Amino acid sequence: QATRINRAGDLVDIPNAFNTIRSDTDQVLGRVGKNYRTFDNAGAFAFADALLGFGVEFDAAGHYAESTKVFLTAKLPEGITVGDSDLLDLYLLFKTSHDGSAAITAQITPIRLSCTNQMNLAGRTAVTRWSARHTAKAGEKIDEAARTLQLVDTYKAEFEAIASQLLATEVDLAGFEALTLQTTSSERLQKGMLQTWSNSP
């Protein structure tokens, strides 16, 4: 049961509101409504175990935002090849929250996560995504997440088509300088992009 302190200084219950609490530390993670259903980390990601049979490999897992949010990444068995030899790995990113701020989600990303900035970038740029709210029926919807694998082929086809088009597009230094100005107003980032243009193999 969620509580608050009223103007008189008394601790009173908040109707139809409940706290989610971390069982090992008793840390309050968030305040949720009466229809919210909790899923511990194992339960939230249990459906991902079924993906192992398709050659998916678990890559990383962790928590952030003071343990209120957790994630799991898994590498897909086949990536994307741009041109003749430029191989780009693909990952499934699973996320959920324990504070009521986000649904259980699964999405495809070419980004191998190593920090929360990359996590945010992967979320903003996701092309294919599946989600289920923390409601009474969420457990049933989780079983559908494995069907996101069917979206991988569509994602790969679209990505490879766009990459091939970009690969065939000639850009000179002046054109790239114009692109850096459109991309960011930071002179530091513009300089870094131009250094990559000149020095990166």
N, C-alpha and C. Protein backbone atom coordinates (compact mmCIF):
# COMPACT_ATOMS: atom_id res chain seq x y z
N GLN A 1 0.85 -1.19 0.00
CA GLN A 1 0.00 0.00 0.00
C GLN A 1 0.88 1.25 0.00
N ALA A 2 0.64 2.18 -0.94
CA ALA A 2 1.39 3.42 -0.99
C ALA A 2 0.86 4.39 0.05
N THR A 3 1.74 5.17 0.63
CA THR A 3 1.35 6.13 1.65
C THR A 3 1.94 7.50 1.34
N ARG A 4 1.42 8.50 2.04
CA ARG A 4 1.97 9.85 1.94
C ARG A 4 1.76 10.55 3.28
N ILE A 5 2.46 11.65 3.46
CA ILE A 5 2.31 12.44 4.68
C ILE A 5 1.37 13.61 4.37
N ASN A 6 0.28 13.74 5.14
CA ASN A 6 -0.67 14.82 4.89
C ASN A 6 -0.19 16.12 5.56
N ARG A 7 -1.00 17.16 5.42
CA ARG A 7 -0.61 18.48 5.95
C ARG A 7 -0.46 18.48 7.47
N ALA A 8 -1.17 17.58 8.11
CA ALA A 8 -1.08 17.49 9.57
C ALA A 8 0.15 16.70 10.02
N GLY A 9 0.87 16.15 9.05
CA GLY A 9 2.06 15.37 9.39
C GLY A 9 1.78 13.91 9.65
N ASP A 10 0.55 13.47 9.35
CA ASP A 10 0.19 12.08 9.57
C ASP A 10 0.45 11.24 8.32
N LEU A 11 0.81 9.99 8.51
CA LEU A 11 1.02 9.06 7.41
C LEU A 11 -0.32 8.43 7.04
N VAL A 12 -0.75 8.65 5.80
CA VAL A 12 -2.06 8.14 5.37
C VAL A 12 -1.89 7.32 4.09
N ASP A 13 -2.81 6.37 3.90
CA ASP A 13 -2.79 5.54 2.70
C ASP A 13 -3.27 6.35 1.49
N ILE A 14 -2.71 6.01 0.31
CA ILE A 14 -3.17 6.59 -0.95
C ILE A 14 -4.11 5.57 -1.59
N PRO A 15 -5.37 5.91 -1.82
CA PRO A 15 -6.32 4.94 -2.39
C PRO A 15 -5.86 4.40 -3.74
N ASN A 16 -5.99 3.11 -3.92
CA ASN A 16 -5.70 2.43 -5.19
C ASN A 16 -4.26 2.66 -5.67
N ALA A 17 -3.35 2.90 -4.77
CA ALA A 17 -1.94 3.07 -5.13
C ALA A 17 -1.09 2.16 -4.26
N PHE A 18 -0.05 1.60 -4.87
CA PHE A 18 0.79 0.64 -4.16
C PHE A 18 2.25 0.89 -4.51
N ASN A 19 3.12 0.56 -3.59
CA ASN A 19 4.55 0.66 -3.83
C ASN A 19 5.08 -0.67 -4.35
N THR A 20 6.00 -0.61 -5.30
CA THR A 20 6.78 -1.79 -5.65
C THR A 20 8.07 -1.73 -4.83
N ILE A 21 8.43 -2.85 -4.24
CA ILE A 21 9.54 -2.88 -3.30
C ILE A 21 10.51 -3.99 -3.67
N ARG A 22 11.80 -3.65 -3.67
CA ARG A 22 12.84 -4.65 -3.93
C ARG A 22 12.96 -5.54 -2.70
N SER A 23 12.78 -6.84 -2.89
CA SER A 23 12.65 -7.74 -1.74
C SER A 23 13.95 -7.92 -0.96
N ASP A 24 15.12 -7.79 -1.61
CA ASP A 24 16.35 -8.05 -0.88
C ASP A 24 16.85 -6.85 -0.08
N THR A 25 16.42 -5.64 -0.47
CA THR A 25 16.90 -4.44 0.23
C THR A 25 15.75 -3.61 0.81
N ASP A 26 14.51 -3.96 0.51
CA ASP A 26 13.33 -3.20 0.92
C ASP A 26 13.29 -1.80 0.31
N GLN A 27 14.05 -1.59 -0.78
CA GLN A 27 14.04 -0.30 -1.46
C GLN A 27 12.72 -0.11 -2.20
N VAL A 28 12.08 1.05 -2.01
CA VAL A 28 10.86 1.37 -2.75
C VAL A 28 11.27 1.80 -4.16
N LEU A 29 10.76 1.09 -5.15
CA LEU A 29 11.15 1.35 -6.53
C LEU A 29 10.20 2.30 -7.23
N GLY A 30 8.92 2.28 -6.86
CA GLY A 30 7.97 3.16 -7.52
C GLY A 30 6.57 3.01 -6.96
N ARG A 31 5.68 3.82 -7.46
CA ARG A 31 4.27 3.80 -7.06
C ARG A 31 3.44 3.42 -8.27
N VAL A 32 2.56 2.45 -8.11
CA VAL A 32 1.79 1.93 -9.24
C VAL A 32 0.31 1.87 -8.87
N GLY A 33 -0.53 1.66 -9.90
CA GLY A 33 -1.97 1.57 -9.69
C GLY A 33 -2.40 0.16 -9.36
N LYS A 34 -3.70 0.00 -9.10
CA LYS A 34 -4.22 -1.29 -8.62
C LYS A 34 -4.20 -2.36 -9.70
N ASN A 35 -4.17 -1.99 -10.98
CA ASN A 35 -4.15 -2.99 -12.05
C ASN A 35 -2.75 -3.46 -12.41
N TYR A 36 -1.75 -2.84 -11.85
CA TYR A 36 -0.36 -3.21 -12.13
C TYR A 36 -0.06 -4.59 -11.56
N ARG A 37 0.66 -5.39 -12.34
CA ARG A 37 1.10 -6.70 -11.87
C ARG A 37 2.62 -6.74 -11.93
N THR A 38 3.24 -7.19 -10.88
CA THR A 38 4.70 -7.23 -10.84
C THR A 38 5.23 -8.46 -11.56
N PHE A 39 6.38 -8.28 -12.21
CA PHE A 39 7.13 -9.38 -12.80
C PHE A 39 8.56 -9.23 -12.32
N ASP A 40 9.08 -10.23 -11.60
CA ASP A 40 10.48 -10.13 -11.22
C ASP A 40 11.33 -10.31 -12.47
N ASN A 41 12.64 -10.12 -12.34
CA ASN A 41 13.50 -10.17 -13.52
C ASN A 41 13.40 -11.50 -14.25
N ALA A 42 13.40 -12.58 -13.49
CA ALA A 42 13.32 -13.90 -14.12
C ALA A 42 11.99 -14.08 -14.84
N GLY A 43 10.91 -13.63 -14.23
CA GLY A 43 9.60 -13.77 -14.85
C GLY A 43 9.43 -12.89 -16.07
N ALA A 44 9.96 -11.66 -15.99
CA ALA A 44 9.81 -10.73 -17.10
C ALA A 44 10.51 -11.22 -18.35
N PHE A 45 11.66 -11.89 -18.16
CA PHE A 45 12.46 -12.31 -19.31
C PHE A 45 12.39 -13.81 -19.56
N ALA A 46 11.46 -14.49 -18.90
CA ALA A 46 11.39 -15.95 -19.04
C ALA A 46 11.16 -16.36 -20.49
N PHE A 47 10.39 -15.56 -21.22
CA PHE A 47 10.09 -15.92 -22.60
C PHE A 47 11.36 -15.95 -23.46
N ALA A 48 12.39 -15.19 -23.05
CA ALA A 48 13.61 -15.12 -23.85
C ALA A 48 14.34 -16.46 -23.90
N ASP A 49 14.14 -17.31 -22.90
CA ASP A 49 14.79 -18.62 -22.90
C ASP A 49 14.41 -19.42 -24.14
N ALA A 50 13.18 -19.25 -24.61
CA ALA A 50 12.73 -20.01 -25.78
C ALA A 50 13.50 -19.63 -27.03
N LEU A 51 14.08 -18.43 -27.04
CA LEU A 51 14.80 -17.98 -28.22
C LEU A 51 16.14 -18.68 -28.38
N LEU A 52 16.65 -19.29 -27.30
CA LEU A 52 17.94 -19.97 -27.39
C LEU A 52 17.91 -21.09 -28.42
N GLY A 53 16.74 -21.69 -28.60
CA GLY A 53 16.62 -22.76 -29.58
C GLY A 53 16.76 -22.30 -31.01
N PHE A 54 16.68 -20.98 -31.22
CA PHE A 54 16.83 -20.43 -32.56
C PHE A 54 18.25 -19.91 -32.80
N GLY A 55 19.17 -20.23 -31.91
CA GLY A 55 20.55 -19.80 -32.09
C GLY A 55 20.88 -18.46 -31.47
N VAL A 56 19.93 -17.88 -30.74
CA VAL A 56 20.18 -16.60 -30.08
C VAL A 56 21.10 -16.82 -28.88
N GLU A 57 22.05 -15.91 -28.68
CA GLU A 57 22.99 -16.01 -27.57
C GLU A 57 22.80 -14.82 -26.63
N PHE A 58 22.58 -15.09 -25.33
CA PHE A 58 22.50 -14.00 -24.37
C PHE A 58 23.84 -13.28 -24.31
N ASP A 59 23.79 -11.95 -24.31
CA ASP A 59 25.01 -11.15 -24.39
C ASP A 59 25.28 -10.40 -23.09
N ALA A 60 24.28 -9.73 -22.56
CA ALA A 60 24.49 -8.92 -21.35
C ALA A 60 23.16 -8.70 -20.65
N ALA A 61 23.24 -8.37 -19.37
CA ALA A 61 22.07 -8.01 -18.59
C ALA A 61 22.50 -7.05 -17.50
N GLY A 62 21.57 -6.22 -17.05
CA GLY A 62 21.93 -5.29 -15.99
C GLY A 62 20.75 -4.45 -15.56
N HIS A 63 21.04 -3.50 -14.68
CA HIS A 63 19.99 -2.60 -14.20
C HIS A 63 20.55 -1.18 -14.17
N TYR A 64 19.66 -0.21 -14.18
CA TYR A 64 20.06 1.19 -14.12
C TYR A 64 18.91 1.98 -13.51
N ALA A 65 19.11 3.29 -13.39
CA ALA A 65 18.12 4.16 -12.76
C ALA A 65 17.77 3.65 -11.36
N GLU A 66 18.82 3.44 -10.56
CA GLU A 66 18.66 2.99 -9.18
C GLU A 66 17.86 1.68 -9.08
N SER A 67 18.13 0.79 -10.00
CA SER A 67 17.54 -0.56 -10.04
C SER A 67 16.07 -0.57 -10.42
N THR A 68 15.52 0.56 -10.84
CA THR A 68 14.11 0.57 -11.22
C THR A 68 13.90 0.01 -12.62
N LYS A 69 14.95 -0.01 -13.43
CA LYS A 69 14.85 -0.52 -14.80
C LYS A 69 15.91 -1.59 -15.03
N VAL A 70 15.54 -2.63 -15.77
CA VAL A 70 16.46 -3.72 -16.07
C VAL A 70 16.41 -4.03 -17.56
N PHE A 71 17.50 -4.65 -18.07
CA PHE A 71 17.56 -4.98 -19.49
C PHE A 71 18.29 -6.29 -19.69
N LEU A 72 18.07 -6.87 -20.85
CA LEU A 72 18.74 -8.09 -21.27
C LEU A 72 18.98 -7.95 -22.77
N THR A 73 20.21 -8.26 -23.22
CA THR A 73 20.48 -8.24 -24.65
C THR A 73 20.89 -9.64 -25.10
N ALA A 74 20.51 -9.98 -26.31
CA ALA A 74 20.82 -11.27 -26.89
C ALA A 74 21.24 -11.07 -28.35
N LYS A 75 22.35 -11.69 -28.72
CA LYS A 75 22.87 -11.57 -30.08
C LYS A 75 22.16 -12.55 -31.00
N LEU A 76 21.71 -12.05 -32.14
CA LEU A 76 21.05 -12.90 -33.12
C LEU A 76 22.09 -13.71 -33.89
N PRO A 77 21.72 -14.90 -34.37
CA PRO A 77 22.72 -15.75 -35.05
C PRO A 77 23.21 -15.18 -36.37
N GLU A 78 22.41 -14.34 -37.01
CA GLU A 78 22.82 -13.76 -38.29
C GLU A 78 22.69 -12.25 -38.23
N GLY A 79 23.71 -11.57 -38.71
CA GLY A 79 23.68 -10.12 -38.75
C GLY A 79 23.34 -9.60 -40.13
N ILE A 80 23.82 -8.41 -40.42
CA ILE A 80 23.58 -7.76 -41.71
C ILE A 80 24.92 -7.56 -42.39
N THR A 81 25.00 -7.85 -43.68
CA THR A 81 26.21 -7.61 -44.45
C THR A 81 25.96 -6.43 -45.39
N VAL A 82 26.77 -5.40 -45.23
CA VAL A 82 26.69 -4.22 -46.09
C VAL A 82 27.80 -4.33 -47.12
N GLY A 83 27.43 -4.19 -48.40
CA GLY A 83 28.43 -4.39 -49.44
C GLY A 83 28.82 -5.85 -49.50
N ASP A 84 30.12 -6.10 -49.67
CA ASP A 84 30.59 -7.47 -49.80
C ASP A 84 31.08 -8.07 -48.49
N SER A 85 31.53 -7.22 -47.56
CA SER A 85 32.21 -7.80 -46.41
C SER A 85 32.01 -7.07 -45.09
N ASP A 86 31.23 -5.99 -45.06
CA ASP A 86 31.07 -5.22 -43.83
C ASP A 86 29.92 -5.83 -43.01
N LEU A 87 30.27 -6.64 -42.00
CA LEU A 87 29.28 -7.36 -41.20
C LEU A 87 28.88 -6.56 -39.99
N LEU A 88 27.58 -6.45 -39.77
CA LEU A 88 27.03 -5.73 -38.63
C LEU A 88 26.15 -6.69 -37.84
N ASP A 89 26.47 -6.89 -36.56
CA ASP A 89 25.68 -7.79 -35.72
C ASP A 89 24.35 -7.16 -35.37
N LEU A 90 23.37 -8.01 -35.08
CA LEU A 90 22.06 -7.56 -34.62
C LEU A 90 21.78 -8.14 -33.24
N TYR A 91 21.07 -7.36 -32.43
CA TYR A 91 20.75 -7.77 -31.07
C TYR A 91 19.27 -7.59 -30.80
N LEU A 92 18.74 -8.46 -29.94
CA LEU A 92 17.42 -8.25 -29.37
C LEU A 92 17.63 -7.59 -28.01
N LEU A 93 16.92 -6.51 -27.78
CA LEU A 93 17.01 -5.79 -26.52
C LEU A 93 15.68 -5.93 -25.79
N PHE A 94 15.71 -6.49 -24.59
CA PHE A 94 14.52 -6.64 -23.77
C PHE A 94 14.66 -5.69 -22.57
N LYS A 95 13.60 -4.97 -22.27
CA LYS A 95 13.63 -4.04 -21.15
C LYS A 95 12.32 -4.12 -20.36
N THR A 96 12.41 -3.80 -19.10
CA THR A 96 11.22 -3.63 -18.29
C THR A 96 11.56 -2.72 -17.12
N SER A 97 10.54 -2.26 -16.44
CA SER A 97 10.75 -1.40 -15.27
C SER A 97 10.00 -1.98 -14.09
N HIS A 98 10.45 -1.62 -12.90
CA HIS A 98 9.79 -2.05 -11.68
C HIS A 98 9.14 -0.88 -10.95
N ASP A 99 9.05 0.26 -11.62
CA ASP A 99 8.48 1.45 -10.97
C ASP A 99 7.22 1.95 -11.65
N GLY A 100 6.71 1.18 -12.63
CA GLY A 100 5.48 1.56 -13.31
C GLY A 100 5.68 2.54 -14.45
N SER A 101 6.94 2.85 -14.80
CA SER A 101 7.19 3.87 -15.81
C SER A 101 7.25 3.33 -17.23
N ALA A 102 7.39 2.02 -17.40
CA ALA A 102 7.56 1.48 -18.75
C ALA A 102 7.00 0.07 -18.83
N ALA A 103 6.59 -0.30 -20.04
CA ALA A 103 6.09 -1.64 -20.31
C ALA A 103 7.26 -2.60 -20.50
N ILE A 104 6.95 -3.89 -20.57
CA ILE A 104 7.93 -4.88 -20.99
C ILE A 104 8.08 -4.76 -22.49
N THR A 105 9.30 -4.57 -22.99
CA THR A 105 9.50 -4.37 -24.42
C THR A 105 10.57 -5.29 -24.96
N ALA A 106 10.45 -5.59 -26.25
CA ALA A 106 11.49 -6.32 -26.98
C ALA A 106 11.67 -5.59 -28.31
N GLN A 107 12.92 -5.35 -28.70
CA GLN A 107 13.16 -4.64 -29.95
C GLN A 107 14.47 -5.11 -30.57
N ILE A 108 14.62 -4.84 -31.85
CA ILE A 108 15.81 -5.21 -32.60
C ILE A 108 16.69 -3.98 -32.74
N THR A 109 18.00 -4.14 -32.53
CA THR A 109 18.92 -3.02 -32.64
C THR A 109 20.28 -3.50 -33.13
N PRO A 110 20.99 -2.69 -33.91
CA PRO A 110 22.37 -3.04 -34.29
C PRO A 110 23.38 -2.54 -33.26
N ILE A 111 22.91 -2.01 -32.13
CA ILE A 111 23.78 -1.39 -31.14
C ILE A 111 24.07 -2.38 -30.01
N ARG A 112 25.36 -2.67 -29.78
CA ARG A 112 25.76 -3.49 -28.64
C ARG A 112 25.92 -2.56 -27.45
N LEU A 113 25.08 -2.75 -26.45
CA LEU A 113 24.97 -1.77 -25.38
C LEU A 113 26.12 -1.86 -24.39
N SER A 114 26.63 -0.68 -24.01
CA SER A 114 27.64 -0.62 -22.95
C SER A 114 27.39 0.54 -21.99
N CYS A 115 26.34 1.34 -22.25
CA CYS A 115 26.01 2.45 -21.34
C CYS A 115 24.55 2.85 -21.56
N THR A 116 24.02 3.64 -20.65
CA THR A 116 22.61 4.03 -20.75
C THR A 116 22.36 4.98 -21.91
N ASN A 117 23.37 5.74 -22.34
CA ASN A 117 23.19 6.59 -23.52
C ASN A 117 22.88 5.74 -24.74
N GLN A 118 23.60 4.62 -24.88
CA GLN A 118 23.33 3.72 -25.99
C GLN A 118 21.96 3.07 -25.84
N MET A 119 21.57 2.80 -24.60
CA MET A 119 20.24 2.25 -24.34
C MET A 119 19.16 3.22 -24.85
N ASN A 120 19.33 4.50 -24.54
CA ASN A 120 18.36 5.50 -24.98
C ASN A 120 18.36 5.63 -26.50
N LEU A 121 19.56 5.58 -27.11
CA LEU A 121 19.66 5.67 -28.57
C LEU A 121 18.96 4.48 -29.22
N ALA A 122 19.19 3.29 -28.68
CA ALA A 122 18.56 2.09 -29.23
C ALA A 122 17.04 2.19 -29.15
N GLY A 123 16.53 2.74 -28.05
CA GLY A 123 15.09 2.90 -27.90
C GLY A 123 14.50 3.89 -28.88
N ARG A 124 15.22 5.00 -29.10
CA ARG A 124 14.70 6.03 -30.01
C ARG A 124 14.74 5.61 -31.47
N THR A 125 15.71 4.75 -31.82
CA THR A 125 15.90 4.39 -33.22
C THR A 125 15.29 3.03 -33.57
N ALA A 126 14.57 2.42 -32.64
CA ALA A 126 14.03 1.08 -32.88
C ALA A 126 13.04 1.11 -34.03
N VAL A 127 13.21 0.18 -34.96
CA VAL A 127 12.30 0.06 -36.10
C VAL A 127 11.19 -0.93 -35.79
N THR A 128 11.55 -2.02 -35.14
CA THR A 128 10.56 -3.03 -34.77
C THR A 128 10.54 -3.17 -33.26
N ARG A 129 9.36 -3.23 -32.70
CA ARG A 129 9.24 -3.29 -31.24
C ARG A 129 7.97 -4.04 -30.85
N TRP A 130 8.06 -4.78 -29.77
CA TRP A 130 6.92 -5.46 -29.16
C TRP A 130 6.86 -5.00 -27.73
N SER A 131 5.66 -4.82 -27.20
CA SER A 131 5.55 -4.41 -25.81
C SER A 131 4.29 -4.99 -25.18
N ALA A 132 4.31 -5.09 -23.86
CA ALA A 132 3.16 -5.53 -23.08
C ALA A 132 3.15 -4.77 -21.78
N ARG A 133 2.00 -4.26 -21.40
CA ARG A 133 1.89 -3.52 -20.15
C ARG A 133 1.90 -4.47 -18.96
N HIS A 134 2.24 -3.92 -17.81
CA HIS A 134 2.22 -4.70 -16.57
C HIS A 134 0.77 -4.78 -16.06
N THR A 135 -0.04 -5.53 -16.76
CA THR A 135 -1.42 -5.72 -16.36
C THR A 135 -1.66 -7.20 -16.14
N ALA A 136 -2.89 -7.54 -15.80
CA ALA A 136 -3.21 -8.94 -15.52
C ALA A 136 -2.94 -9.84 -16.72
N LYS A 137 -3.06 -9.31 -17.94
CA LYS A 137 -2.87 -10.11 -19.14
C LYS A 137 -1.44 -10.05 -19.69
N ALA A 138 -0.58 -9.32 -19.03
CA ALA A 138 0.78 -9.17 -19.55
C ALA A 138 1.49 -10.50 -19.66
N GLY A 139 1.25 -11.40 -18.70
CA GLY A 139 1.90 -12.70 -18.74
C GLY A 139 1.57 -13.47 -20.00
N GLU A 140 0.32 -13.33 -20.47
CA GLU A 140 -0.07 -14.00 -21.71
C GLU A 140 0.60 -13.35 -22.90
N LYS A 141 0.72 -12.03 -22.88
CA LYS A 141 1.31 -11.33 -24.01
C LYS A 141 2.80 -11.59 -24.13
N ILE A 142 3.45 -11.88 -23.02
CA ILE A 142 4.89 -12.12 -23.06
C ILE A 142 5.21 -13.28 -24.00
N ASP A 143 4.32 -14.28 -24.03
CA ASP A 143 4.57 -15.43 -24.90
C ASP A 143 4.64 -15.03 -26.37
N GLU A 144 4.02 -13.91 -26.72
CA GLU A 144 4.01 -13.47 -28.10
C GLU A 144 5.32 -12.81 -28.50
N ALA A 145 6.16 -12.50 -27.54
CA ALA A 145 7.39 -11.77 -27.85
C ALA A 145 8.31 -12.56 -28.77
N ALA A 146 8.30 -13.88 -28.65
CA ALA A 146 9.16 -14.69 -29.52
C ALA A 146 8.83 -14.46 -30.99
N ARG A 147 7.61 -14.02 -31.26
CA ARG A 147 7.22 -13.78 -32.64
C ARG A 147 7.93 -12.57 -33.24
N THR A 148 8.62 -11.79 -32.40
CA THR A 148 9.39 -10.67 -32.95
C THR A 148 10.50 -11.17 -33.86
N LEU A 149 10.89 -12.43 -33.70
CA LEU A 149 11.91 -12.98 -34.59
C LEU A 149 11.44 -12.94 -36.04
N GLN A 150 10.14 -13.01 -36.25
CA GLN A 150 9.63 -12.94 -37.61
C GLN A 150 9.87 -11.57 -38.22
N LEU A 151 10.06 -10.56 -37.36
CA LEU A 151 10.30 -9.21 -37.85
C LEU A 151 11.76 -8.98 -38.22
N VAL A 152 12.63 -9.90 -37.81
CA VAL A 152 14.05 -9.71 -38.06
C VAL A 152 14.33 -9.68 -39.56
N ASP A 153 13.72 -10.58 -40.31
CA ASP A 153 13.97 -10.62 -41.75
C ASP A 153 13.54 -9.32 -42.42
N THR A 154 12.40 -8.77 -41.99
CA THR A 154 11.94 -7.50 -42.54
C THR A 154 12.92 -6.38 -42.20
N TYR A 155 13.37 -6.37 -40.94
CA TYR A 155 14.33 -5.35 -40.51
C TYR A 155 15.60 -5.44 -41.33
N LYS A 156 16.13 -6.67 -41.49
CA LYS A 156 17.37 -6.87 -42.23
C LYS A 156 17.23 -6.43 -43.68
N ALA A 157 16.12 -6.78 -44.30
CA ALA A 157 15.92 -6.42 -45.70
C ALA A 157 15.88 -4.90 -45.88
N GLU A 158 15.16 -4.20 -44.99
CA GLU A 158 15.07 -2.75 -45.09
C GLU A 158 16.42 -2.10 -44.81
N PHE A 159 17.12 -2.59 -43.79
CA PHE A 159 18.41 -2.03 -43.42
C PHE A 159 19.41 -2.20 -44.56
N GLU A 160 19.48 -3.42 -45.11
CA GLU A 160 20.43 -3.70 -46.18
C GLU A 160 20.12 -2.88 -47.43
N ALA A 161 18.84 -2.66 -47.72
CA ALA A 161 18.48 -1.85 -48.88
C ALA A 161 18.94 -0.40 -48.71
N ILE A 162 18.70 0.15 -47.52
CA ILE A 162 19.11 1.53 -47.26
C ILE A 162 20.64 1.63 -47.25
N ALA A 163 21.31 0.67 -46.62
CA ALA A 163 22.77 0.69 -46.54
C ALA A 163 23.38 0.58 -47.93
N SER A 164 22.80 -0.27 -48.79
CA SER A 164 23.32 -0.41 -50.15
C SER A 164 23.14 0.88 -50.93
N GLN A 165 22.01 1.54 -50.71
CA GLN A 165 21.78 2.82 -51.38
C GLN A 165 22.80 3.87 -50.92
N LEU A 166 23.06 3.91 -49.63
CA LEU A 166 24.05 4.85 -49.10
C LEU A 166 25.44 4.51 -49.61
N LEU A 167 25.74 3.22 -49.69
CA LEU A 167 27.05 2.78 -50.16
C LEU A 167 27.30 3.21 -51.61
N ALA A 168 26.23 3.23 -52.38
CA ALA A 168 26.35 3.61 -53.80
C ALA A 168 26.31 5.12 -54.01
N THR A 169 26.08 5.88 -52.96
CA THR A 169 25.98 7.34 -53.07
C THR A 169 27.33 7.97 -52.80
N GLU A 170 27.85 8.70 -53.78
CA GLU A 170 29.14 9.36 -53.62
C GLU A 170 28.95 10.67 -52.87
N VAL A 171 29.80 10.89 -51.87
CA VAL A 171 29.77 12.12 -51.09
C VAL A 171 31.19 12.67 -51.03
N ASP A 172 31.36 13.94 -51.38
CA ASP A 172 32.69 14.55 -51.29
C ASP A 172 32.82 15.27 -49.95
N LEU A 173 33.99 15.79 -49.68
CA LEU A 173 34.26 16.42 -48.40
C LEU A 173 33.35 17.60 -48.14
N ALA A 174 33.09 18.41 -49.17
CA ALA A 174 32.21 19.57 -49.00
C ALA A 174 30.80 19.13 -48.61
N GLY A 175 30.34 18.07 -49.23
CA GLY A 175 29.02 17.55 -48.91
C GLY A 175 28.96 17.01 -47.49
N PHE A 176 30.05 16.36 -47.05
CA PHE A 176 30.09 15.83 -45.70
C PHE A 176 30.17 16.96 -44.68
N GLU A 177 30.91 18.01 -44.98
CA GLU A 177 30.97 19.16 -44.07
C GLU A 177 29.58 19.77 -43.90
N ALA A 178 28.83 19.85 -44.99
CA ALA A 178 27.47 20.38 -44.91
C ALA A 178 26.59 19.48 -44.04
N LEU A 179 26.82 18.17 -44.14
CA LEU A 179 26.05 17.22 -43.34
C LEU A 179 26.36 17.39 -41.85
N THR A 180 27.62 17.61 -41.51
CA THR A 180 27.97 17.80 -40.09
C THR A 180 27.29 19.03 -39.53
N LEU A 181 27.16 20.09 -40.34
CA LEU A 181 26.50 21.30 -39.86
C LEU A 181 25.02 21.07 -39.62
N GLN A 182 24.42 20.22 -40.46
CA GLN A 182 23.00 19.89 -40.29
C GLN A 182 22.77 18.97 -39.09
N THR A 183 23.78 18.16 -38.79
CA THR A 183 23.64 17.14 -37.75
C THR A 183 23.76 17.72 -36.35
N THR A 184 24.70 18.64 -36.16
CA THR A 184 24.95 19.17 -34.83
C THR A 184 25.50 20.59 -34.90
N SER A 185 25.22 21.38 -33.87
CA SER A 185 25.77 22.74 -33.79
C SER A 185 27.05 22.77 -32.97
N SER A 186 27.44 21.63 -32.41
CA SER A 186 28.65 21.55 -31.59
C SER A 186 29.89 21.50 -32.48
N GLU A 187 30.76 22.49 -32.33
CA GLU A 187 32.00 22.50 -33.12
C GLU A 187 32.88 21.30 -32.77
N ARG A 188 32.86 20.87 -31.51
CA ARG A 188 33.64 19.72 -31.10
C ARG A 188 33.19 18.45 -31.83
N LEU A 189 31.87 18.25 -31.90
CA LEU A 189 31.35 17.07 -32.59
C LEU A 189 31.58 17.16 -34.09
N GLN A 190 31.43 18.36 -34.66
CA GLN A 190 31.70 18.54 -36.08
C GLN A 190 33.15 18.17 -36.40
N LYS A 191 34.07 18.65 -35.55
CA LYS A 191 35.50 18.34 -35.75
C LYS A 191 35.74 16.85 -35.64
N GLY A 192 35.11 16.20 -34.67
CA GLY A 192 35.27 14.76 -34.51
C GLY A 192 34.77 13.99 -35.72
N MET A 193 33.64 14.42 -36.28
CA MET A 193 33.09 13.76 -37.46
C MET A 193 34.03 13.91 -38.65
N LEU A 194 34.60 15.10 -38.80
CA LEU A 194 35.53 15.34 -39.91
C LEU A 194 36.82 14.54 -39.75
N GLN A 195 37.25 14.37 -38.50
CA GLN A 195 38.44 13.54 -38.25
C GLN A 195 38.16 12.09 -38.60
N THR A 196 36.94 11.62 -38.29
CA THR A 196 36.55 10.27 -38.67
C THR A 196 36.54 10.12 -40.18
N TRP A 197 36.00 11.12 -40.87
CA TRP A 197 35.97 11.11 -42.34
C TRP A 197 37.38 10.95 -42.90
N SER A 198 38.33 11.66 -42.30
CA SER A 198 39.70 11.68 -42.84
C SER A 198 40.54 10.48 -42.42
N ASN A 199 40.30 9.95 -41.20
CA ASN A 199 41.22 8.97 -40.64
C ASN A 199 40.67 7.56 -40.49
N SER A 200 39.36 7.39 -40.43
CA SER A 200 38.82 6.06 -40.17
C SER A 200 38.87 5.18 -41.42
N PRO A 201 39.36 3.95 -41.27
CA PRO A 201 39.37 3.04 -42.43
C PRO A 201 37.97 2.65 -42.88
